[in-house]
Amino acid sequence: MRNILFLLITFFAGFTLFGQGTQKIGWVNSETILLQFPPAIKAQSDLDALTSKWSKSIDSMTTSLQTSYTEAQKQFTNMTPEKQREVQQDLVKKEQSIQQFRQQKFAQPNGELFLKQDELLRPIKAKILEAIDKVREKEGMTFVFDKTGDVILLFADPQYDLTNAVLDKLKRG
């Protein structure tokens, strides 16, 4: 879908090039910017530390569960049926606790890691986009694409926005 959108934008941009003079198109590699921008490096370091802390907690909880399971297996035959159920329920609760912790910390999109990532990176990305816009203005660029991954349009001169024309065409049939 993005490739089709890119081709359409390129086609219409090329079409307008002939009628309106030269358009300047630029690109950035946002991954390189994030890897070299000190606030982004700091934010990623903070996220890595948080991930490591939570992973160690999960490892500790898992080790405790495995120890409890091993002990239960050794004593299971000597337990009354009621005690066996109690031990099994305790093991299930521990396992559910681990899953719940993992879900709470790492689930997408509402896990604490992703919320923290958004909190830390949103202002950094805003600064990066502001810098891109200033450079675009200085260089007289009409379009700016992000080279990282799929092509993403970061800026387009509003006069070349075909969104409303396409929506009108779709509504009229």
Protein backbone atom coordinates (compact mmCIF):
# COMPACT_ATOMS: atom_id res chain seq x y z
CA MET A 1 0.00 0.00 0.00
CA ARG A 2 2.81 2.41 0.90
CA ASN A 3 4.60 1.58 -2.34
CA ILE A 4 1.47 2.37 -4.33
CA LEU A 5 1.07 5.63 -2.40
CA PHE A 6 4.72 6.46 -3.05
CA LEU A 7 4.30 5.78 -6.77
CA LEU A 8 1.18 7.97 -6.92
CA ILE A 9 2.90 10.81 -5.09
CA THR A 10 5.95 10.48 -7.33
CA PHE A 11 3.74 10.43 -10.43
CA PHE A 12 1.77 13.51 -9.41
CA ALA A 13 4.90 15.29 -8.22
CA GLY A 14 6.55 14.52 -11.56
CA PHE A 15 3.44 15.64 -13.39
CA THR A 16 3.49 19.00 -11.62
CA LEU A 17 7.22 19.40 -12.19
CA PHE A 18 6.69 20.10 -15.85
CA GLY A 19 4.07 22.77 -15.26
CA GLN A 20 5.57 24.60 -12.29
CA GLY A 21 9.34 24.52 -12.48
CA THR A 22 11.80 22.45 -10.55
CA GLN A 23 10.79 20.83 -7.28
CA LYS A 24 13.47 19.89 -4.78
CA ILE A 25 13.11 16.55 -3.09
CA GLY A 26 15.25 15.56 -0.11
CA TRP A 27 15.52 12.64 2.25
CA VAL A 28 16.78 11.81 5.71
CA ASN A 29 17.75 8.62 7.48
CA SER A 30 15.93 8.90 10.79
CA GLU A 31 17.64 5.79 12.15
CA THR A 32 21.05 7.42 11.74
CA ILE A 33 19.77 10.60 13.39
CA LEU A 34 18.39 8.65 16.37
CA LEU A 35 21.66 6.71 16.72
CA GLN A 36 23.73 9.90 16.75
CA PHE A 37 21.52 12.45 18.55
CA PRO A 38 22.65 12.55 22.23
CA PRO A 39 19.15 12.91 23.78
CA ALA A 40 17.98 9.91 21.74
CA ILE A 41 21.03 7.90 22.83
CA LYS A 42 20.28 8.77 26.48
CA ALA A 43 16.60 7.83 26.10
CA GLN A 44 17.51 4.48 24.51
CA SER A 45 20.00 3.83 27.31
CA ASP A 46 17.28 4.52 29.89
CA LEU A 47 14.89 2.18 28.08
CA ASP A 48 17.54 -0.54 27.88
CA ALA A 49 18.20 -0.23 31.64
CA LEU A 50 14.48 -0.50 32.37
CA THR A 51 14.15 -3.53 30.10
CA SER A 52 17.11 -5.18 31.77
CA LYS A 53 15.69 -4.53 35.26
CA TRP A 54 12.31 -6.01 34.35
CA SER A 55 13.87 -8.99 32.55
CA LYS A 56 15.92 -9.77 35.67
CA SER A 57 12.74 -9.66 37.74
CA ILE A 58 11.07 -12.10 35.36
CA ASP A 59 14.13 -14.36 35.48
CA SER A 60 14.07 -14.30 39.28
CA MET A 61 10.35 -15.08 39.38
CA THR A 62 10.84 -17.92 36.88
CA THR A 63 13.69 -19.40 38.92
CA SER A 64 11.52 -19.26 42.03
CA LEU A 65 8.69 -21.01 40.18
CA GLN A 66 11.01 -23.73 38.91
CA THR A 67 12.37 -24.29 42.43
CA SER A 68 8.86 -24.50 43.84
CA TYR A 69 7.86 -26.90 41.08
CA THR A 70 10.87 -29.15 41.74
CA GLU A 71 10.17 -29.20 45.48
CA ALA A 72 6.51 -29.96 44.87
CA GLN A 73 7.38 -32.88 42.58
CA LYS A 74 9.62 -34.40 45.24
CA GLN A 75 6.94 -34.19 47.93
CA PHE A 76 3.83 -34.68 45.80
CA THR A 77 3.36 -38.41 46.51
CA ASN A 78 3.57 -37.84 50.29
CA MET A 79 0.88 -35.12 50.27
CA THR A 80 -2.80 -35.47 50.93
CA PRO A 81 -5.08 -34.76 47.95
CA GLU A 82 -6.08 -31.48 49.56
CA LYS A 83 -2.44 -30.43 49.99
CA GLN A 84 -1.71 -31.47 46.38
CA ARG A 85 -4.48 -29.15 45.11
CA GLU A 86 -3.18 -26.36 47.30
CA VAL A 87 0.37 -26.75 45.96
CA GLN A 88 -0.89 -26.93 42.37
CA GLN A 89 -2.95 -23.77 42.85
CA ASP A 90 0.07 -22.01 44.32
CA LEU A 91 2.19 -23.00 41.31
CA VAL A 92 -0.52 -21.80 38.91
CA LYS A 93 -0.76 -18.47 40.78
CA LYS A 94 3.01 -17.99 40.53
CA GLU A 95 2.95 -18.75 36.80
CA GLN A 96 0.03 -16.36 36.27
CA SER A 97 1.88 -13.71 38.25
CA ILE A 98 4.86 -14.01 35.92
CA GLN A 99 2.62 -13.74 32.86
CA GLN A 100 0.80 -10.77 34.32
CA PHE A 101 4.08 -9.01 35.13
CA ARG A 102 5.40 -9.68 31.60
CA GLN A 103 2.14 -8.39 30.10
CA GLN A 104 2.12 -5.29 32.32
CA LYS A 105 5.70 -4.38 31.42
CA PHE A 106 6.14 -5.49 27.81
CA ALA A 107 2.70 -5.75 26.13
CA GLN A 108 2.02 -3.61 23.08
CA PRO A 109 0.73 -0.91 22.97
CA ASN A 110 -0.15 -0.36 26.64
CA GLY A 111 2.78 -1.98 28.43
CA GLU A 112 4.91 0.22 30.65
CA LEU A 113 7.91 -0.12 28.31
CA PHE A 114 6.02 1.22 25.30
CA LEU A 115 4.42 4.01 27.34
CA LYS A 116 7.85 5.00 28.68
CA GLN A 117 9.32 4.80 25.17
CA ASP A 118 6.61 7.13 23.90
CA GLU A 119 7.13 9.49 26.84
CA LEU A 120 10.89 9.68 26.28
CA LEU A 121 11.01 9.70 22.48
CA ARG A 122 8.02 11.91 21.60
CA PRO A 123 9.79 15.22 22.48
CA ILE A 124 12.98 14.01 20.82
CA LYS A 125 11.15 13.12 17.61
CA ALA A 126 9.40 16.49 17.70
CA LYS A 127 12.80 18.22 17.88
CA ILE A 128 14.08 16.10 15.01
CA LEU A 129 11.03 16.92 12.85
CA GLU A 130 11.43 20.62 13.69
CA ALA A 131 15.08 20.47 12.62
CA ILE A 132 14.14 18.65 9.42
CA ASP A 133 11.57 21.35 8.66
CA LYS A 134 14.11 24.15 9.24
CA VAL A 135 16.65 22.46 6.97
CA ARG A 136 13.93 21.84 4.39
CA GLU A 137 13.00 25.51 4.41
CA LYS A 138 16.62 26.64 4.18
CA GLU A 139 17.32 24.26 1.31
CA GLY A 140 14.04 25.07 -0.47
CA MET A 141 12.83 21.47 -0.47
CA THR A 142 9.29 20.71 -1.54
CA PHE A 143 9.26 17.08 -0.33
CA VAL A 144 11.28 15.30 2.36
CA PHE A 145 11.23 11.50 2.67
CA ASP A 146 12.56 9.23 5.40
CA LYS A 147 14.91 6.65 3.90
CA THR A 148 14.63 4.28 6.89
CA GLY A 149 12.37 1.31 6.22
CA ASP A 150 9.34 2.07 4.11
CA VAL A 151 9.30 5.48 2.50
CA ILE A 152 7.51 7.93 4.77
CA LEU A 153 6.65 11.43 3.63
CA LEU A 154 7.80 13.85 6.34
CA PHE A 155 6.86 17.08 4.61
CA ALA A 156 4.93 18.01 1.52
CA ASP A 157 4.03 21.46 0.33
CA PRO A 158 0.28 21.78 1.04
CA GLN A 159 -0.42 22.96 -2.51
CA TYR A 160 0.57 19.46 -3.72
CA ASP A 161 -1.71 17.63 -1.28
CA LEU A 162 -4.16 15.55 -3.28
CA THR A 163 -5.97 14.08 -0.26
CA ASN A 164 -9.12 16.20 -0.56
CA ALA A 165 -9.29 15.78 -4.33
CA VAL A 166 -9.06 12.00 -3.94
CA LEU A 167 -11.73 12.02 -1.21
CA ASP A 168 -14.03 14.14 -3.39
CA LYS A 169 -13.53 11.75 -6.29
CA LEU A 170 -14.32 8.77 -4.04
CA LYS A 171 -17.47 10.43 -2.67
CA ARG A 172 -18.77 11.33 -6.14
CA GLY A 173 -17.95 7.90 -7.51
